[in-house]
C-alpha atoms as a PDB file:
ATOM      1  CA  MET A   1     130.997 -98.226 105.942  1.00  0.00           C
ATOM      2  CA  ALA A   2     129.181 -99.095 102.758  1.00  0.00           C
ATOM      3  CA  PHE A   3     129.595 -97.331  99.417  1.00  0.00           C
ATOM      4  CA  LEU A   4     126.780 -97.483  96.877  1.00  0.00           C
ATOM      5  CA  GLN A   5     127.200 -96.100  93.356  1.00  0.00           C
ATOM      6  CA  LYS A   6     123.806 -94.988  92.109  1.00  0.00           C
ATOM      7  CA  ARG A   7     121.653 -92.528  90.275  1.00  0.00           C
ATOM      8  CA  VAL A   8     120.654 -90.252  93.143  1.00  0.00           C
ATOM      9  CA  ALA A   9     118.101 -88.162  91.220  1.00  0.00           C
ATOM     10  CA  GLY A  10     116.228 -88.272  87.964  1.00  0.00           C
ATOM     11  CA  PRO A  11     115.732 -88.213  85.233  1.00  0.00           C
ATOM     12  CA  VAL A  12     113.417 -85.446  86.354  1.00  0.00           C
ATOM     13  CA  THR A  13     111.985 -82.499  84.435  1.00  0.00           C
ATOM     14  CA  LEU A  14     113.051 -79.274  86.132  1.00  0.00           C
ATOM     15  CA  ALA A  15     110.480 -76.764  87.307  1.00  0.00           C
ATOM     16  CA  ASP A  16     110.559 -73.266  85.908  1.00  0.00           C
ATOM     17  CA  ILE A  17     111.907 -70.553  88.171  1.00  0.00           C
ATOM     18  CA  ALA A  18     111.131 -66.847  88.274  1.00  0.00           C
ATOM     19  CA  THR A  19     114.763 -65.860  87.605  1.00  0.00           C
ATOM     20  CA  MET A  20     118.051 -67.711  87.325  1.00  0.00           C
ATOM     21  CA  ALA A  21     118.846 -66.426  90.838  1.00  0.00           C
ATOM     22  CA  THR A  22     115.613 -67.741  92.425  1.00  0.00           C
ATOM     23  CA  ALA A  23     115.695 -71.328  93.681  1.00  0.00           C
ATOM     24  CA  PRO A  24     112.682 -73.590  93.127  1.00  0.00           C
ATOM     25  CA  GLY A  25     110.457 -74.518  96.061  1.00  0.00           C
ATOM     26  CA  SER A  26     111.521 -78.150  96.407  1.00  0.00           C
ATOM     27  CA  ALA A  27     114.787 -80.068  96.313  1.00  0.00           C
ATOM     28  CA  SER A  28     115.775 -82.459  93.532  1.00  0.00           C
ATOM     29  CA  TYR A  29     117.847 -84.550  95.977  1.00  0.00           C
ATOM     30  CA  THR A  30     118.515 -84.457  99.724  1.00  0.00           C
ATOM     31  CA  ALA A  31     121.275 -86.452 101.431  1.00  0.00           C
ATOM     32  CA  GLY A  32     119.665 -88.732 104.002  1.00  0.00           C
ATOM     33  CA  THR A  33     120.349 -88.972 107.718  1.00  0.00           C
ATOM     34  CA  GLY A  34     123.754 -90.521 108.307  1.00  0.00           C
ATOM     35  CA  VAL A  35     124.568 -90.446 104.577  1.00  0.00           C
ATOM     36  CA  THR A  36     127.440 -88.689 102.838  1.00  0.00           C
ATOM     37  CA  THR A  37     126.879 -88.327  99.103  1.00  0.00           C
ATOM     38  CA  ILE A  38     129.541 -87.604  96.511  1.00  0.00           C
ATOM     39  CA  VAL A  39     127.899 -86.249  93.368  1.00  0.00           C
ATOM     40  CA  LYS A  40     130.038 -87.420  90.460  1.00  0.00           C
ATOM     41  CA  GLN A  41     127.994 -86.264  87.469  1.00  0.00           C
ATOM     42  CA  MET A  42     125.084 -83.984  86.645  1.00  0.00           C
ATOM     43  CA  MET A  43     123.439 -84.353  83.245  1.00  0.00           C
ATOM     44  CA  PHE A  44     121.126 -81.726  81.782  1.00  0.00           C
ATOM     45  CA  SER A  45     119.131 -82.375  78.591  1.00  0.00           C
ATOM     46  CA  ASN A  46     117.342 -79.562  76.809  1.00  0.00           C
ATOM     47  CA  ILE A  47     114.290 -81.233  75.291  1.00  0.00           C
ATOM     48  CA  THR A  48     113.123 -78.170  73.338  1.00  0.00           C
ATOM     49  CA  SER A  49     113.992 -76.475  70.054  1.00  0.00           C
ATOM     50  CA  SER A  50     115.205 -73.269  71.746  1.00  0.00           C
ATOM     51  CA  THR A  51     118.057 -72.322  74.084  1.00  0.00           C
ATOM     52  CA  GLN A  52     117.272 -72.886  77.773  1.00  0.00           C
ATOM     53  CA  GLN A  53     119.024 -71.872  81.007  1.00  0.00           C
ATOM     54  CA  VAL A  54     119.578 -73.859  84.196  1.00  0.00           C
ATOM     55  CA  SER A  55     120.754 -72.870  87.683  1.00  0.00           C
ATOM     56  CA  VAL A  56     121.746 -75.239  90.525  1.00  0.00           C
ATOM     57  CA  TRP A  57     122.044 -74.616  94.275  1.00  0.00           C
ATOM     58  CA  LEU A  58     123.546 -76.668  97.134  1.00  0.00           C
ATOM     59  CA  PHE A  59     121.695 -75.746 100.326  1.00  0.00           C
ATOM     60  CA  ASP A  60     122.510 -76.903 103.857  1.00  0.00           C
ATOM     61  CA  GLY A  61     119.053 -76.080 105.207  1.00  0.00           C
ATOM     62  CA  SER A  62     120.115 -73.290 107.544  1.00  0.00           C
ATOM     63  CA  GLY A  63     118.495 -69.905 107.044  1.00  0.00           C
ATOM     64  CA  SER A  64     117.229 -69.101 103.568  1.00  0.00           C
ATOM     65  CA  ILE A  65     118.654 -70.241 100.264  1.00  0.00           C
ATOM     66  CA  ALA A  66     120.801 -67.447  98.816  1.00  0.00           C
ATOM     67  CA  ASP A  67     123.197 -66.505  96.020  1.00  0.00           C
ATOM     68  CA  SER A  68     126.038 -67.920  98.135  1.00  0.00           C
ATOM     69  CA  ASP A  69     124.454 -71.388  97.646  1.00  0.00           C
ATOM     70  CA  ILE A  70     124.624 -71.266  93.822  1.00  0.00           C
ATOM     71  CA  VAL A  71     126.801 -73.990  92.300  1.00  0.00           C
ATOM     72  CA  PHE A  72     126.000 -73.353  88.621  1.00  0.00           C
ATOM     73  CA  HIS A  73     124.370 -70.109  87.496  1.00  0.00           C
ATOM     74  CA  SER A  74     122.526 -69.564  84.217  1.00  0.00           C
ATOM     75  CA  LEU A  75     124.041 -72.438  82.252  1.00  0.00           C
ATOM     76  CA  ASP A  76     123.015 -72.089  78.604  1.00  0.00           C
ATOM     77  CA  LEU A  77     121.838 -75.238  76.842  1.00  0.00           C
ATOM     78  CA  ALA A  78     121.409 -74.994  73.064  1.00  0.00           C
ATOM     79  CA  ALA A  79     118.369 -76.584  71.421  1.00  0.00           C
ATOM     80  CA  TYR A  80     118.334 -80.351  72.124  1.00  0.00           C
ATOM     81  CA  GLU A  81     121.763 -80.150  73.791  1.00  0.00           C
ATOM     82  CA  THR A  82     122.818 -82.558  76.545  1.00  0.00           C
ATOM     83  CA  MET A  83     125.479 -81.270  78.943  1.00  0.00           C
ATOM     84  CA  LEU A  84     127.457 -83.554  81.261  1.00  0.00           C
ATOM     85  CA  ILE A  85     129.224 -81.964  84.234  1.00  0.00           C
ATOM     86  CA  ASN A  86     131.746 -84.171  86.012  1.00  0.00           C
ATOM     87  CA  LEU A  87     132.600 -83.162  89.554  1.00  0.00           C
ATOM     88  CA  SER A  88     133.214 -84.441  93.081  1.00  0.00           C
ATOM     89  CA  LEU A  89     130.677 -82.487  95.116  1.00  0.00           C
ATOM     90  CA  VAL A  90     130.529 -83.798  98.697  1.00  0.00           C
ATOM     91  CA  MET A  91     127.153 -83.499 100.420  1.00  0.00           C
ATOM     92  CA  VAL A  92     126.540 -84.307 104.068  1.00  0.00           C
ATOM     93  CA  ASP A  93     123.445 -85.270 106.029  1.00  0.00           C
ATOM     94  CA  GLY A  94     120.562 -82.939 105.150  1.00  0.00           C
ATOM     95  CA  GLU A  95     122.203 -80.956 102.348  1.00  0.00           C
ATOM     96  CA  ALA A  96     120.061 -80.636  99.239  1.00  0.00           C
ATOM     97  CA  ILE A  97     120.387 -79.941  95.518  1.00  0.00           C
ATOM     98  CA  TYR A  98     117.896 -77.474  94.085  1.00  0.00           C
ATOM     99  CA  ALA A  99     117.758 -76.996  90.309  1.00  0.00           C
ATOM    100  CA  GLY A 100     115.501 -74.984  88.048  1.00  0.00           C
ATOM    101  CA  ALA A 101     115.126 -74.047  84.403  1.00  0.00           C
ATOM    102  CA  GLY A 102     114.003 -70.868  82.725  1.00  0.00           C
ATOM    103  CA  ASN A 103     110.916 -72.575  81.278  1.00  0.00           C
ATOM    104  CA  ALA A 104     108.769 -75.419  82.582  1.00  0.00           C
ATOM    105  CA  SER A 105     109.145 -78.862  80.986  1.00  0.00           C
ATOM    106  CA  SER A 106     112.197 -77.761  79.003  1.00  0.00           C
ATOM    107  CA  VAL A 107     115.172 -79.439  80.738  1.00  0.00           C
ATOM    108  CA  ASN A 108     115.650 -82.881  82.268  1.00  0.00           C
ATOM    109  CA  MET A 109     118.272 -83.497  84.971  1.00  0.00           C
ATOM    110  CA  THR A 110     119.916 -86.729  86.089  1.00  0.00           C
ATOM    111  CA  VAL A 111     122.399 -86.875  88.976  1.00  0.00           C
ATOM    112  CA  SER A 112     124.749 -89.808  89.630  1.00  0.00           C
ATOM    113  CA  GLY A 113     127.037 -90.373  92.557  1.00  0.00           C
ATOM    114  CA  ILE A 114     128.143 -92.434  95.520  1.00  0.00           C
ATOM    115  CA  GLU A 115     126.323 -92.723  98.837  1.00  0.00           C
ATOM    116  CA  GLU A 116     128.345 -93.646 101.907  1.00  0.00           C
ATOM    117  CA  THR A 117     126.537 -94.994 104.951  1.00  0.00           C
END
């Protein structure tokens, strides 16, 4: 087994979503085949002068993405605020992180963690 500490996603500007309960169309990060990922930190940076909201989903790919897949719902970020969330979110082969903001080009996301192969 090999462990690799790395930035697994981003920085990436989040797409806008219709509502805070509607996942975007594409994943920000997907755990590869034979890879277990432990997400250790998610960083969100509001790059605008107004409050923005962010929602995050963890989806295993079965069925349709739903409210039961929401990890963080409607997080408020004040103008120019950067929020760091420390966690130990284990993702297995094929699971994906979806994240969206209330407005396009308003929030950047960076995800760091450990990949085990």
